[in-house]
Structure formats: C-alpha cells, structure tokens
N, C-alpha and C. Protein backbone atom coordinates (compact mmCIF):
# COMPACT_ATOMS: atom_id res chain seq x y z
N MET A 1 96.56 129.44 108.30
CA MET A 1 96.99 129.09 106.96
C MET A 1 96.01 128.10 106.35
N VAL A 2 95.61 128.34 105.15
CA VAL A 2 94.66 127.48 104.45
C VAL A 2 95.42 126.44 103.63
N ALA A 3 95.05 125.18 103.80
CA ALA A 3 95.70 124.12 103.01
C ALA A 3 95.19 124.20 101.58
N GLU A 4 96.08 124.05 100.64
CA GLU A 4 95.68 124.04 99.23
C GLU A 4 95.29 122.63 98.84
N THR A 5 94.33 122.54 97.93
CA THR A 5 93.95 121.22 97.44
C THR A 5 95.04 120.73 96.50
N LYS A 6 95.30 119.46 96.54
CA LYS A 6 96.36 118.87 95.73
C LYS A 6 95.83 118.48 94.36
N ALA A 7 96.60 118.77 93.35
CA ALA A 7 96.22 118.39 91.99
C ALA A 7 96.40 116.89 91.83
N TYR A 8 95.45 116.27 91.16
CA TYR A 8 95.53 114.83 90.91
C TYR A 8 96.45 114.58 89.73
N ARG A 9 97.36 113.68 89.90
CA ARG A 9 98.23 113.25 88.80
C ARG A 9 98.07 111.74 88.68
N ALA A 10 97.66 111.32 87.53
CA ALA A 10 97.47 109.89 87.30
C ALA A 10 98.81 109.17 87.40
N PRO A 11 98.87 108.10 88.18
CA PRO A 11 100.13 107.36 88.27
C PRO A 11 100.47 106.67 86.96
N VAL A 12 101.75 106.45 86.76
CA VAL A 12 102.22 105.73 85.58
C VAL A 12 102.65 104.35 86.05
N PHE A 13 102.07 103.32 85.45
CA PHE A 13 102.36 101.95 85.84
C PHE A 13 103.21 101.27 84.78
N PRO A 14 104.12 100.38 85.20
CA PRO A 14 104.90 99.64 84.21
C PRO A 14 103.97 98.88 83.26
N ALA A 15 104.34 98.82 81.99
CA ALA A 15 103.49 98.20 80.97
C ALA A 15 103.16 96.75 81.28
N ASP A 16 104.10 96.00 81.84
CA ASP A 16 103.86 94.58 82.09
C ASP A 16 103.04 94.32 83.36
N LEU A 17 102.75 95.37 84.11
CA LEU A 17 102.04 95.19 85.38
C LEU A 17 100.60 94.72 85.18
N LEU A 18 99.99 95.13 84.11
CA LEU A 18 98.59 94.76 83.87
C LEU A 18 98.45 93.78 82.72
N ASP A 19 99.27 92.74 82.78
CA ASP A 19 99.16 91.69 81.78
C ASP A 19 97.85 90.91 82.00
N GLU A 20 97.57 89.97 81.14
CA GLU A 20 96.30 89.24 81.20
C GLU A 20 96.11 88.51 82.53
N LEU A 21 97.18 87.90 83.05
CA LEU A 21 97.06 87.17 84.32
C LEU A 21 96.71 88.13 85.46
N ASN A 22 97.36 89.27 85.52
CA ASN A 22 97.06 90.23 86.58
C ASN A 22 95.64 90.79 86.43
N ARG A 23 95.18 90.98 85.21
CA ARG A 23 93.80 91.44 85.01
C ARG A 23 92.81 90.37 85.49
N ARG A 24 93.10 89.11 85.21
CA ARG A 24 92.25 88.02 85.70
C ARG A 24 92.27 87.98 87.23
N LEU A 25 93.45 88.17 87.80
CA LEU A 25 93.61 88.20 89.26
C LEU A 25 92.79 89.35 89.85
N LEU A 26 92.86 90.52 89.24
CA LEU A 26 92.09 91.66 89.73
C LEU A 26 90.59 91.41 89.62
N ARG A 27 90.14 90.76 88.54
CA ARG A 27 88.72 90.41 88.42
C ARG A 27 88.29 89.47 89.55
N GLU A 28 89.12 88.48 89.83
CA GLU A 28 88.81 87.54 90.91
C GLU A 28 88.74 88.26 92.25
N LEU A 29 89.69 89.14 92.51
CA LEU A 29 89.70 89.87 93.78
C LEU A 29 88.54 90.87 93.87
N THR A 30 88.13 91.42 92.73
CA THR A 30 86.98 92.32 92.73
C THR A 30 85.73 91.55 93.11
N ASP A 31 85.59 90.34 92.58
CA ASP A 31 84.43 89.51 92.89
C ASP A 31 84.45 89.01 94.33
N ASP A 32 85.66 88.72 94.83
CA ASP A 32 85.79 88.17 96.19
C ASP A 32 87.11 88.64 96.81
N PRO A 33 87.12 89.83 97.42
CA PRO A 33 88.36 90.35 98.00
C PRO A 33 88.93 89.50 99.14
N ARG A 34 88.09 88.64 99.71
CA ARG A 34 88.54 87.80 100.82
C ARG A 34 89.00 86.41 100.36
N ALA A 35 89.07 86.20 99.07
CA ALA A 35 89.48 84.88 98.55
C ALA A 35 90.89 84.54 99.05
N ARG A 36 91.06 83.31 99.43
CA ARG A 36 92.38 82.84 99.89
C ARG A 36 93.32 82.73 98.69
N THR A 37 94.58 82.91 98.97
CA THR A 37 95.59 82.84 97.93
C THR A 37 95.56 81.49 97.23
N THR A 38 95.38 80.42 98.00
CA THR A 38 95.35 79.09 97.39
C THR A 38 94.16 78.94 96.45
N GLU A 39 93.02 79.51 96.83
CA GLU A 39 91.83 79.44 95.97
C GLU A 39 92.04 80.27 94.70
N LEU A 40 92.64 81.45 94.83
CA LEU A 40 92.93 82.27 93.66
C LEU A 40 93.88 81.53 92.71
N ALA A 41 94.90 80.89 93.28
CA ALA A 41 95.85 80.14 92.47
C ALA A 41 95.14 79.03 91.69
N ARG A 42 94.24 78.32 92.37
CA ARG A 42 93.49 77.26 91.71
C ARG A 42 92.64 77.82 90.57
N ARG A 43 91.92 78.91 90.83
CA ARG A 43 91.05 79.50 89.80
C ARG A 43 91.85 79.99 88.59
N LEU A 44 93.05 80.51 88.86
CA LEU A 44 93.87 81.09 87.79
C LEU A 44 94.79 80.08 87.12
N GLY A 45 94.93 78.90 87.73
CA GLY A 45 95.80 77.87 87.16
C GLY A 45 97.28 78.19 87.32
N VAL A 46 97.65 78.83 88.43
CA VAL A 46 99.05 79.15 88.71
C VAL A 46 99.36 78.72 90.14
N SER A 47 100.61 78.87 90.54
CA SER A 47 101.01 78.47 91.89
C SER A 47 100.63 79.54 92.91
N THR A 48 100.52 79.10 94.16
CA THR A 48 100.22 80.02 95.26
C THR A 48 101.29 81.09 95.39
N PRO A 49 102.60 80.76 95.32
CA PRO A 49 103.62 81.81 95.39
C PRO A 49 103.49 82.84 94.25
N THR A 50 103.06 82.39 93.08
CA THR A 50 102.86 83.32 91.96
C THR A 50 101.78 84.33 92.31
N VAL A 51 100.68 83.86 92.88
CA VAL A 51 99.60 84.77 93.27
C VAL A 51 100.08 85.74 94.34
N ARG A 52 100.77 85.23 95.36
CA ARG A 52 101.28 86.10 96.43
C ARG A 52 102.19 87.18 95.87
N GLU A 53 103.10 86.81 94.99
CA GLU A 53 104.04 87.77 94.41
C GLU A 53 103.31 88.81 93.57
N ARG A 54 102.35 88.36 92.79
CA ARG A 54 101.63 89.30 91.92
C ARG A 54 100.75 90.25 92.73
N VAL A 55 100.08 89.74 93.75
CA VAL A 55 99.27 90.62 94.60
C VAL A 55 100.17 91.64 95.29
N ALA A 56 101.31 91.19 95.82
CA ALA A 56 102.23 92.11 96.48
C ALA A 56 102.72 93.19 95.52
N ARG A 57 103.04 92.79 94.30
CA ARG A 57 103.52 93.75 93.30
C ARG A 57 102.42 94.76 92.93
N LEU A 58 101.19 94.28 92.80
CA LEU A 58 100.07 95.17 92.49
C LEU A 58 99.80 96.14 93.65
N GLU A 59 99.96 95.66 94.88
CA GLU A 59 99.79 96.53 96.04
C GLU A 59 100.90 97.58 96.11
N GLU A 60 102.13 97.13 95.94
CA GLU A 60 103.28 98.06 96.00
C GLU A 60 103.21 99.13 94.93
N ALA A 61 102.72 98.76 93.75
CA ALA A 61 102.62 99.71 92.64
C ALA A 61 101.43 100.67 92.80
N GLY A 62 100.53 100.35 93.73
CA GLY A 62 99.36 101.20 93.94
C GLY A 62 98.18 100.85 93.06
N VAL A 63 98.27 99.76 92.31
CA VAL A 63 97.12 99.32 91.51
C VAL A 63 96.01 98.87 92.47
N ILE A 64 96.38 98.03 93.43
CA ILE A 64 95.46 97.66 94.51
C ILE A 64 95.70 98.67 95.62
N ARG A 65 94.72 99.54 95.83
CA ARG A 65 94.87 100.62 96.82
C ARG A 65 94.43 100.20 98.20
N GLY A 66 93.68 99.13 98.31
CA GLY A 66 93.24 98.69 99.62
C GLY A 66 92.10 97.70 99.50
N TYR A 67 91.67 97.22 100.65
CA TYR A 67 90.56 96.29 100.75
C TYR A 67 89.58 96.95 101.72
N ARG A 68 88.33 97.05 101.32
CA ARG A 68 87.37 97.80 102.10
C ARG A 68 86.18 96.94 102.54
N LEU A 69 85.66 97.33 103.68
CA LEU A 69 84.46 96.72 104.21
C LEU A 69 83.28 97.55 103.73
N ASP A 70 82.25 96.93 103.22
CA ASP A 70 81.06 97.63 102.74
C ASP A 70 79.95 97.43 103.76
N VAL A 71 79.71 98.46 104.56
CA VAL A 71 78.70 98.41 105.61
C VAL A 71 77.48 99.21 105.14
N ASP A 72 76.31 98.66 105.33
CA ASP A 72 75.07 99.34 104.97
C ASP A 72 74.86 100.50 105.95
N PRO A 73 74.86 101.76 105.46
CA PRO A 73 74.68 102.91 106.37
C PRO A 73 73.38 102.84 107.16
N ALA A 74 72.33 102.27 106.57
CA ALA A 74 71.05 102.16 107.29
C ALA A 74 71.19 101.32 108.55
N ALA A 75 72.05 100.31 108.51
CA ALA A 75 72.27 99.47 109.69
C ALA A 75 72.90 100.26 110.83
N LEU A 76 73.54 101.36 110.50
CA LEU A 76 74.17 102.22 111.51
C LEU A 76 73.30 103.43 111.85
N GLY A 77 72.06 103.42 111.37
CA GLY A 77 71.15 104.52 111.66
C GLY A 77 71.30 105.71 110.74
N LEU A 78 71.90 105.51 109.56
CA LEU A 78 72.10 106.59 108.58
C LEU A 78 71.51 106.19 107.23
N PRO A 79 70.18 106.04 107.15
CA PRO A 79 69.58 105.54 105.92
C PRO A 79 69.44 106.55 104.79
N VAL A 80 69.59 107.85 105.08
CA VAL A 80 69.36 108.88 104.08
C VAL A 80 70.70 109.32 103.46
N ALA A 81 70.78 109.18 102.14
CA ALA A 81 71.97 109.62 101.41
C ALA A 81 71.61 110.84 100.58
N ALA A 82 72.54 111.78 100.52
CA ALA A 82 72.32 112.97 99.69
C ALA A 82 73.63 113.33 99.01
N TRP A 83 73.51 113.86 97.80
CA TRP A 83 74.66 114.43 97.10
C TRP A 83 74.55 115.94 97.23
N VAL A 84 75.63 116.57 97.62
CA VAL A 84 75.65 118.02 97.79
C VAL A 84 76.71 118.58 96.84
N ARG A 85 76.27 119.45 95.95
CA ARG A 85 77.20 120.18 95.09
C ARG A 85 77.49 121.51 95.76
N LEU A 86 78.75 121.89 95.76
CA LEU A 86 79.13 123.12 96.46
C LEU A 86 79.96 124.01 95.55
N ARG A 87 79.55 125.25 95.47
CA ARG A 87 80.29 126.27 94.73
C ARG A 87 80.89 127.21 95.77
N PRO A 88 82.22 127.12 96.00
CA PRO A 88 82.84 127.94 97.04
C PRO A 88 82.79 129.43 96.71
N GLY A 89 82.73 130.22 97.77
CA GLY A 89 82.84 131.66 97.61
C GLY A 89 84.30 132.02 97.35
N PRO A 90 84.58 133.30 97.06
CA PRO A 90 85.96 133.74 96.80
C PRO A 90 86.91 133.37 97.95
N GLY A 91 88.02 132.76 97.60
CA GLY A 91 89.04 132.40 98.57
C GLY A 91 88.69 131.22 99.47
N GLN A 92 87.63 130.49 99.16
CA GLN A 92 87.17 129.41 100.04
C GLN A 92 87.52 128.00 99.56
N VAL A 93 88.04 127.87 98.35
CA VAL A 93 88.29 126.53 97.79
C VAL A 93 89.14 125.68 98.72
N GLY A 94 90.21 126.24 99.24
CA GLY A 94 91.11 125.47 100.10
C GLY A 94 90.47 125.01 101.40
N ARG A 95 89.44 125.67 101.85
CA ARG A 95 88.81 125.32 103.12
C ARG A 95 87.79 124.19 102.99
N ILE A 96 87.27 123.99 101.81
CA ILE A 96 86.18 123.02 101.63
C ILE A 96 86.62 121.60 101.95
N ALA A 97 87.73 121.15 101.38
CA ALA A 97 88.19 119.78 101.65
C ALA A 97 88.49 119.58 103.13
N GLU A 98 89.09 120.58 103.77
CA GLU A 98 89.36 120.49 105.22
C GLU A 98 88.07 120.34 106.01
N LEU A 99 87.08 121.17 105.67
CA LEU A 99 85.80 121.13 106.36
C LEU A 99 85.10 119.79 106.12
N ALA A 100 85.08 119.34 104.89
CA ALA A 100 84.44 118.06 104.56
C ALA A 100 85.08 116.92 105.35
N GLU A 101 86.37 116.98 105.52
CA GLU A 101 87.06 115.93 106.27
C GLU A 101 86.67 115.92 107.75
N ARG A 102 86.31 117.07 108.27
CA ARG A 102 85.94 117.18 109.70
C ARG A 102 84.47 116.82 109.96
N ILE A 103 83.66 116.72 108.93
CA ILE A 103 82.25 116.40 109.11
C ILE A 103 82.06 114.90 108.88
N PRO A 104 81.80 114.13 109.95
CA PRO A 104 81.74 112.68 109.80
C PRO A 104 80.68 112.18 108.83
N GLU A 105 79.60 112.92 108.66
CA GLU A 105 78.52 112.49 107.77
C GLU A 105 78.92 112.60 106.30
N VAL A 106 79.98 113.35 106.01
CA VAL A 106 80.49 113.44 104.63
C VAL A 106 81.33 112.19 104.40
N VAL A 107 80.82 111.29 103.56
CA VAL A 107 81.51 110.02 103.33
C VAL A 107 82.32 110.01 102.03
N GLU A 108 82.11 111.02 101.18
CA GLU A 108 82.90 111.20 99.97
C GLU A 108 82.99 112.69 99.69
N CYS A 109 84.11 113.10 99.15
CA CYS A 109 84.28 114.49 98.71
C CYS A 109 85.15 114.48 97.47
N HIS A 110 84.61 115.02 96.38
CA HIS A 110 85.32 115.04 95.10
C HIS A 110 85.46 116.48 94.63
N ARG A 111 86.62 116.83 94.13
CA ARG A 111 86.82 118.11 93.45
C ARG A 111 86.42 117.86 92.00
N ILE A 112 85.50 118.67 91.49
CA ILE A 112 84.94 118.41 90.17
C ILE A 112 85.08 119.63 89.26
N SER A 113 84.86 119.41 87.97
CA SER A 113 84.85 120.50 87.01
C SER A 113 83.42 121.01 86.87
N GLY A 114 83.27 122.12 86.19
CA GLY A 114 81.94 122.68 85.98
C GLY A 114 81.69 123.86 86.90
N GLU A 115 80.43 124.26 86.99
CA GLU A 115 80.09 125.43 87.79
C GLU A 115 80.36 125.22 89.27
N ASP A 116 80.11 124.02 89.76
CA ASP A 116 80.40 123.70 91.16
C ASP A 116 81.81 123.12 91.23
N CYS A 117 82.45 123.30 92.36
CA CYS A 117 83.82 122.81 92.50
C CYS A 117 83.93 121.51 93.30
N PHE A 118 82.90 121.21 94.09
CA PHE A 118 82.95 120.03 94.94
C PHE A 118 81.64 119.25 94.87
N LEU A 119 81.76 117.94 94.98
CA LEU A 119 80.62 117.05 95.07
C LEU A 119 80.83 116.19 96.30
N LEU A 120 79.89 116.24 97.22
CA LEU A 120 80.00 115.51 98.48
C LEU A 120 78.83 114.54 98.61
N ARG A 121 79.12 113.35 99.11
CA ARG A 121 78.05 112.41 99.45
C ARG A 121 77.94 112.41 100.96
N VAL A 122 76.72 112.58 101.44
CA VAL A 122 76.45 112.71 102.87
C VAL A 122 75.48 111.62 103.30
N GLN A 123 75.71 111.00 104.44
CA GLN A 123 74.81 110.00 105.02
C GLN A 123 74.30 110.56 106.35
N VAL A 124 72.97 110.64 106.48
CA VAL A 124 72.35 111.20 107.68
C VAL A 124 71.20 110.30 108.15
N PRO A 125 70.79 110.47 109.43
CA PRO A 125 69.70 109.63 109.94
C PRO A 125 68.33 110.02 109.40
N ALA A 126 68.14 111.29 109.05
CA ALA A 126 66.84 111.76 108.54
C ALA A 126 67.09 112.99 107.67
N ILE A 127 66.12 113.32 106.83
CA ILE A 127 66.27 114.45 105.91
C ILE A 127 66.59 115.74 106.66
N ASP A 128 65.92 115.98 107.78
CA ASP A 128 66.16 117.23 108.50
C ASP A 128 67.57 117.33 109.09
N ALA A 129 68.26 116.21 109.21
CA ALA A 129 69.63 116.23 109.74
C ALA A 129 70.61 116.86 108.75
N LEU A 130 70.21 116.97 107.50
CA LEU A 130 71.08 117.58 106.50
C LEU A 130 71.21 119.09 106.73
N GLU A 131 70.23 119.70 107.36
CA GLU A 131 70.23 121.15 107.54
C GLU A 131 71.48 121.67 108.24
N GLY A 132 71.86 121.05 109.32
CA GLY A 132 73.05 121.49 110.06
C GLY A 132 74.32 121.37 109.23
N ILE A 133 74.40 120.32 108.45
CA ILE A 133 75.57 120.13 107.58
C ILE A 133 75.60 121.21 106.51
N LEU A 134 74.46 121.47 105.90
CA LEU A 134 74.40 122.53 104.87
C LEU A 134 74.73 123.89 105.47
N ASP A 135 74.28 124.15 106.69
CA ASP A 135 74.60 125.42 107.34
C ASP A 135 76.12 125.58 107.49
N ARG A 136 76.81 124.51 107.85
CA ARG A 136 78.27 124.58 107.99
C ARG A 136 78.95 124.81 106.65
N LEU A 137 78.41 124.20 105.59
CA LEU A 137 79.00 124.35 104.26
C LEU A 137 78.66 125.69 103.63
N ASN A 138 77.46 126.20 103.86
CA ASN A 138 77.02 127.44 103.23
C ASN A 138 77.81 128.66 103.69
N VAL A 139 78.50 128.56 104.79
CA VAL A 139 79.38 129.65 105.24
C VAL A 139 80.49 129.88 104.22
N HIS A 140 80.84 128.82 103.48
CA HIS A 140 81.98 128.87 102.54
C HIS A 140 81.56 128.92 101.07
N GLY A 141 80.26 128.88 100.79
CA GLY A 141 79.80 128.92 99.41
C GLY A 141 78.34 128.54 99.33
N SER A 142 77.87 128.31 98.11
CA SER A 142 76.47 127.93 97.94
C SER A 142 76.37 126.44 97.62
N THR A 143 75.28 125.83 98.11
CA THR A 143 75.09 124.39 97.94
C THR A 143 73.82 124.11 97.16
N ASN A 144 73.79 122.92 96.59
CA ASN A 144 72.62 122.39 95.92
C ASN A 144 72.59 120.91 96.26
N SER A 145 71.47 120.44 96.81
CA SER A 145 71.40 119.07 97.32
C SER A 145 70.39 118.22 96.57
N SER A 146 70.69 116.93 96.48
CA SER A 146 69.77 115.95 95.91
C SER A 146 69.80 114.72 96.79
N PHE A 147 68.61 114.25 97.18
CA PHE A 147 68.53 113.04 97.99
C PHE A 147 68.50 111.82 97.09
N VAL A 148 69.14 110.77 97.53
CA VAL A 148 69.13 109.51 96.79
C VAL A 148 67.81 108.81 97.09
N VAL A 149 67.06 108.51 96.05
CA VAL A 149 65.77 107.83 96.19
C VAL A 149 65.97 106.32 96.10
N SER A 150 66.81 105.88 95.17
CA SER A 150 67.15 104.46 95.05
C SER A 150 68.51 104.37 94.36
N THR A 151 69.07 103.18 94.38
CA THR A 151 70.38 102.96 93.77
C THR A 151 70.29 101.76 92.85
N PRO A 152 69.84 101.99 91.59
CA PRO A 152 69.70 100.86 90.67
C PRO A 152 71.03 100.23 90.27
N VAL A 153 72.11 100.99 90.30
CA VAL A 153 73.46 100.45 90.04
C VAL A 153 74.32 100.83 91.24
N PRO A 154 74.56 99.89 92.15
CA PRO A 154 75.38 100.20 93.32
C PRO A 154 76.83 100.43 92.91
N PRO A 155 77.62 101.07 93.81
CA PRO A 155 79.04 101.26 93.49
C PRO A 155 79.70 99.93 93.13
N ARG A 156 80.55 99.98 92.13
CA ARG A 156 81.22 98.77 91.67
C ARG A 156 82.63 99.13 91.24
N GLY A 157 83.42 98.13 91.07
CA GLY A 157 84.80 98.33 90.64
C GLY A 157 84.88 98.82 89.21
N VAL A 158 86.04 99.30 88.85
CA VAL A 158 86.26 99.76 87.48
C VAL A 158 86.28 98.57 86.53
N PRO A 159 85.87 98.76 85.28
CA PRO A 159 85.91 97.64 84.32
C PRO A 159 87.35 97.21 84.06
N LEU A 160 87.57 95.91 84.08
CA LEU A 160 88.92 95.37 83.90
C LEU A 160 89.11 94.76 82.53
N ASP A 161 88.15 94.89 81.67
CA ASP A 161 88.27 94.30 80.32
C ASP A 161 88.77 95.32 79.33
C-alpha cells in the first residue's frame, strides 16, 4: 500500500496569540533560542513567570514548533549540498516522500507546485556521491540537480515584523 501525501492546511491561531509582546519574545528567541527565561524577562521588561507562560502557550499552539541545533554539514564530512527537483512518473507521487525519508542524505523534502512535484536538499561527501541517490530517485521519476556553490543568505527565521 502506498502512503498518500498529506495536504498542508495552515493552522488557525487565536488573534491575541501574536500580540506585540509575543512578537518581541519570538524575535528574542529567534536571535538566541538558548536565552534563559530570566534574561528574556529582563529584555522584555516583564516578569519571569510571564515569559514562561507565554512561551508555553506559543509552544502548545504550535507557533513555536521546536528548537533546533544547527550543525555545519561539512564538519560531519558532508560539504556538498545539492537541490534535486523531481518529477514523479505516473502513480509515483505517494512513493517519493517515503523514499526521501529513507535516504539519510536527503535533509529536506518539499512538495511543490509547477512542473516538478518535489524539491529535495541533499548533503553528500563529494559530487560523485550524488549519483547513487539520483539512481534511487530516478526509478520513480525524472530529476534535475543543482549544486550549491555558495550561500549568501543562510537559512533564517520568518520575518516577525
């Protein structure tokens, strides 16, 4: 049985959840996710319990989805990044996300609009290491790859203003 891809539905958040104080709190956490509650309270001019309650509420509502560690792939022996666009063959759409999840070098997989249906970011130790990954993907459709030469704007949080 082939798993179907799930349709994305944007969550609906209570109107008061993203008031000015919470937006300031999110900006502070974006700049320093490891900031202590007491330091956040000092920066925002509120009490420590207020910060704890607001962070908990933002987490429970799904506004704060998690806290992540940013590790340089090159430090782990994976200095080469590539974006792979994939156009699935007939009846293959449901298999792509499953396959991407099983390939450890695939660090992102997005269902996209346009001629291609998927966009994958792959981290490999060398350019020739991409061949085996493409061979696994090409069984299910056609691919088009681009290697990352540099990253003038690294990944960043969404604008909070």
